[in-house]
Amino acid sequence: MSLQVTRSDVSTTWNGQDEMSVLTFNLNGETFAIEAMTVQEILDLLPETRVPGAKAYLGGVVNFRGKVIPLADIRLAFGMEAGAASIDSRIIVVQLDIDGEPCLVGIRTDKVYEVTTLSRAASEAPPSVGMRWRADFIDCLVKRNGEFVIVPNLKTIFASH
């Protein structure tokens, strides 16, 4: 049985396509995915400079190719505990349009998995009850190999802070 998703914000996630190429990664044991087209680079952890008075989840900056970019720990936006860096930790540099301006942001992850394709037919809107995270921070959940992959709404997460 395949679920048909009619929620409008989920439809815009797919940009009218039936499949989306994504980069999958891990945060606190959960699998997340972001559209591969937004990914600029995947980096080993870099020296981070803390920014006094900044929001906890956007509390630092890193030097990316001579540019200072914010480094986000979106675990904190989702109410998860900050994780300790490990040998598998990486920074995914993405380009997002925030308030009409292109913006580079680094996202700290526990592990990067792969570039893969997700199917729109396997996607669902996040449930409106029973979620431990803000539903507007999630574009959709996609069932893959018996598990759910979380597609976060990065624009909403960064615009809200």
Protein backbone atom coordinates (compact mmCIF):
# COMPACT_ATOMS: atom_id res chain seq x y z
CA MET A 1 0.00 0.00 0.00
CA SER A 2 1.44 3.34 -1.00
CA LEU A 3 0.49 6.56 0.75
CA GLN A 4 -0.39 9.59 -1.31
CA VAL A 5 0.82 12.78 0.30
CA THR A 6 -1.22 15.84 -0.48
CA ARG A 7 0.20 18.32 2.03
CA SER A 8 1.45 21.29 0.03
CA ASP A 9 4.79 21.79 1.80
CA VAL A 10 5.72 18.16 1.15
CA SER A 11 4.95 18.67 -2.53
CA THR A 12 7.37 21.60 -2.72
CA THR A 13 10.07 19.44 -1.14
CA TRP A 14 10.03 17.29 -4.24
CA ASN A 15 9.90 20.21 -6.72
CA GLY A 16 7.38 18.28 -8.81
CA GLN A 17 9.69 15.27 -9.11
CA ASP A 18 8.96 11.66 -8.14
CA GLU A 19 12.48 11.11 -6.78
CA MET A 20 15.06 13.26 -5.04
CA SER A 21 18.80 12.77 -4.83
CA VAL A 22 19.88 13.25 -1.20
CA LEU A 23 22.89 13.00 1.08
CA THR A 24 22.11 10.89 4.15
CA PHE A 25 23.74 11.45 7.52
CA ASN A 26 23.39 10.56 11.19
CA LEU A 27 22.49 12.73 14.17
CA ASN A 28 22.15 11.00 17.55
CA GLY A 29 21.26 7.68 15.93
CA GLU A 30 18.61 9.12 13.59
CA THR A 31 19.05 9.13 9.80
CA PHE A 32 18.53 12.50 8.13
CA ALA A 33 18.71 13.49 4.45
CA ILE A 34 19.25 16.79 2.67
CA GLU A 35 18.90 17.47 -1.02
CA ALA A 36 22.22 16.67 -2.69
CA MET A 37 22.00 19.76 -4.92
CA THR A 38 22.41 22.03 -1.88
CA VAL A 39 25.61 20.30 -0.70
CA GLN A 40 28.79 22.19 -1.54
CA GLU A 41 31.29 19.98 0.25
CA ILE A 42 31.79 17.44 3.04
CA LEU A 43 34.63 18.30 5.41
CA ASP A 44 36.46 16.73 8.30
CA LEU A 45 35.91 18.74 11.48
CA LEU A 46 37.63 22.13 11.41
CA PRO A 47 38.79 24.44 14.20
CA GLU A 48 35.72 26.30 15.41
CA THR A 49 35.52 29.80 16.83
CA ARG A 50 32.73 30.29 19.36
CA VAL A 51 30.55 33.37 18.92
CA PRO A 52 29.59 34.99 22.25
CA GLY A 53 25.85 35.58 22.61
CA ALA A 54 24.92 33.43 19.60
CA LYS A 55 22.11 30.89 19.71
CA ALA A 56 23.31 27.55 21.10
CA TYR A 57 22.73 25.62 17.89
CA LEU A 58 24.52 28.29 15.80
CA GLY A 59 27.20 29.11 18.33
CA GLY A 60 30.30 28.96 16.16
CA VAL A 61 31.93 29.78 12.86
CA VAL A 62 34.54 28.02 10.73
CA ASN A 63 36.84 29.06 7.91
CA PHE A 64 35.62 27.51 4.66
CA ARG A 65 37.88 28.35 1.69
CA GLY A 66 38.75 31.72 3.14
CA LYS A 67 35.14 32.58 4.06
CA VAL A 68 33.76 32.66 7.56
CA ILE A 69 30.57 30.58 7.67
CA PRO A 70 28.24 29.69 10.56
CA LEU A 71 28.53 26.17 11.93
CA ALA A 72 25.21 24.69 13.02
CA ASP A 73 24.51 21.79 15.33
CA ILE A 74 20.89 21.16 14.29
CA ARG A 75 20.62 18.50 16.98
CA LEU A 76 20.06 21.40 19.37
CA ALA A 77 17.31 22.89 17.16
CA PHE A 78 15.57 19.49 17.38
CA GLY A 79 16.00 19.40 21.17
CA MET A 80 18.58 16.60 21.10
CA GLU A 81 21.67 16.62 23.26
CA ALA A 82 24.86 17.91 21.69
CA GLY A 83 27.07 15.00 20.73
CA ALA A 84 30.79 14.64 21.26
CA ALA A 85 32.93 14.68 18.14
CA SER A 86 34.14 11.30 16.92
CA ILE A 87 36.39 10.02 14.17
CA ASP A 88 33.29 9.79 11.94
CA SER A 89 32.06 13.36 12.58
CA ARG A 90 31.85 15.58 9.51
CA ILE A 91 30.70 19.03 8.45
CA ILE A 92 28.31 19.25 5.51
CA VAL A 93 28.54 22.67 3.83
CA VAL A 94 25.22 23.59 2.22
CA GLN A 95 24.01 26.62 0.31
CA LEU A 96 20.55 27.83 1.26
CA ASP A 97 18.45 30.81 0.26
CA ILE A 98 17.72 32.65 3.49
CA ASP A 99 15.54 35.74 3.06
CA GLY A 100 16.32 35.71 -0.68
CA GLU A 101 20.09 35.67 -0.20
CA PRO A 102 22.35 32.66 -0.85
CA CYS A 103 24.02 31.65 2.39
CA LEU A 104 26.66 28.99 3.12
CA VAL A 105 26.16 27.08 6.37
CA GLY A 106 28.12 24.21 7.86
CA ILE A 107 26.12 21.44 9.53
CA ARG A 108 27.92 19.26 12.07
CA THR A 109 27.00 15.56 11.78
CA ASP A 110 27.90 12.38 13.62
CA LYS A 111 28.48 10.50 10.37
CA VAL A 112 27.84 10.95 6.65
CA TYR A 113 26.49 7.88 4.88
CA GLU A 114 25.86 8.20 1.15
CA VAL A 115 24.22 9.98 -1.74
CA THR A 116 21.07 8.07 -2.59
CA THR A 117 17.64 8.54 -4.10
CA LEU A 118 14.44 8.84 -2.10
CA SER A 119 11.01 8.19 -3.58
CA ARG A 120 8.15 10.64 -3.21
CA ALA A 121 5.73 7.69 -3.06
CA ALA A 122 7.42 6.54 0.16
CA SER A 123 7.15 9.96 1.83
CA GLU A 124 4.71 11.12 4.48
CA ALA A 125 4.07 14.40 6.21
CA PRO A 126 5.25 14.38 9.83
CA PRO A 127 2.46 13.44 12.24
CA SER A 128 0.80 16.39 13.93
CA VAL A 129 0.69 14.62 17.31
CA GLY A 130 3.18 12.45 19.11
CA MET A 131 6.26 14.12 17.59
CA ARG A 132 9.07 15.05 19.92
CA TRP A 133 10.28 17.62 17.37
CA ARG A 134 8.61 20.66 15.87
CA ALA A 135 6.67 19.45 12.83
CA ASP A 136 7.55 22.60 10.84
CA PHE A 137 11.25 21.66 11.15
CA ILE A 138 10.55 18.49 9.13
CA ASP A 139 9.63 18.53 5.44
CA CYS A 140 8.74 14.86 5.38
CA LEU A 141 9.56 11.37 6.56
CA VAL A 142 10.55 8.82 3.93
CA LYS A 143 10.29 5.10 4.55
CA ARG A 144 13.42 3.31 3.30
CA ASN A 145 14.59 -0.21 4.14
CA GLY A 146 12.12 -0.51 7.01
CA GLU A 147 13.24 2.75 8.69
CA PHE A 148 12.29 6.38 8.41
CA VAL A 149 14.65 8.97 6.94
CA ILE A 150 13.98 12.49 8.20
CA VAL A 151 14.14 15.28 5.64
CA PRO A 152 14.57 18.46 7.70
CA ASN A 153 13.28 21.85 6.57
CA LEU A 154 16.60 23.71 6.81
CA LYS A 155 15.12 26.99 5.60
CA THR A 156 12.58 27.01 8.44
CA ILE A 157 15.19 25.94 11.01
CA PHE A 158 17.61 28.72 10.05
CA ALA A 159 14.94 31.37 9.42
CA SER A 160 13.37 30.74 12.83
CA HIS A 161 16.60 31.62 14.61
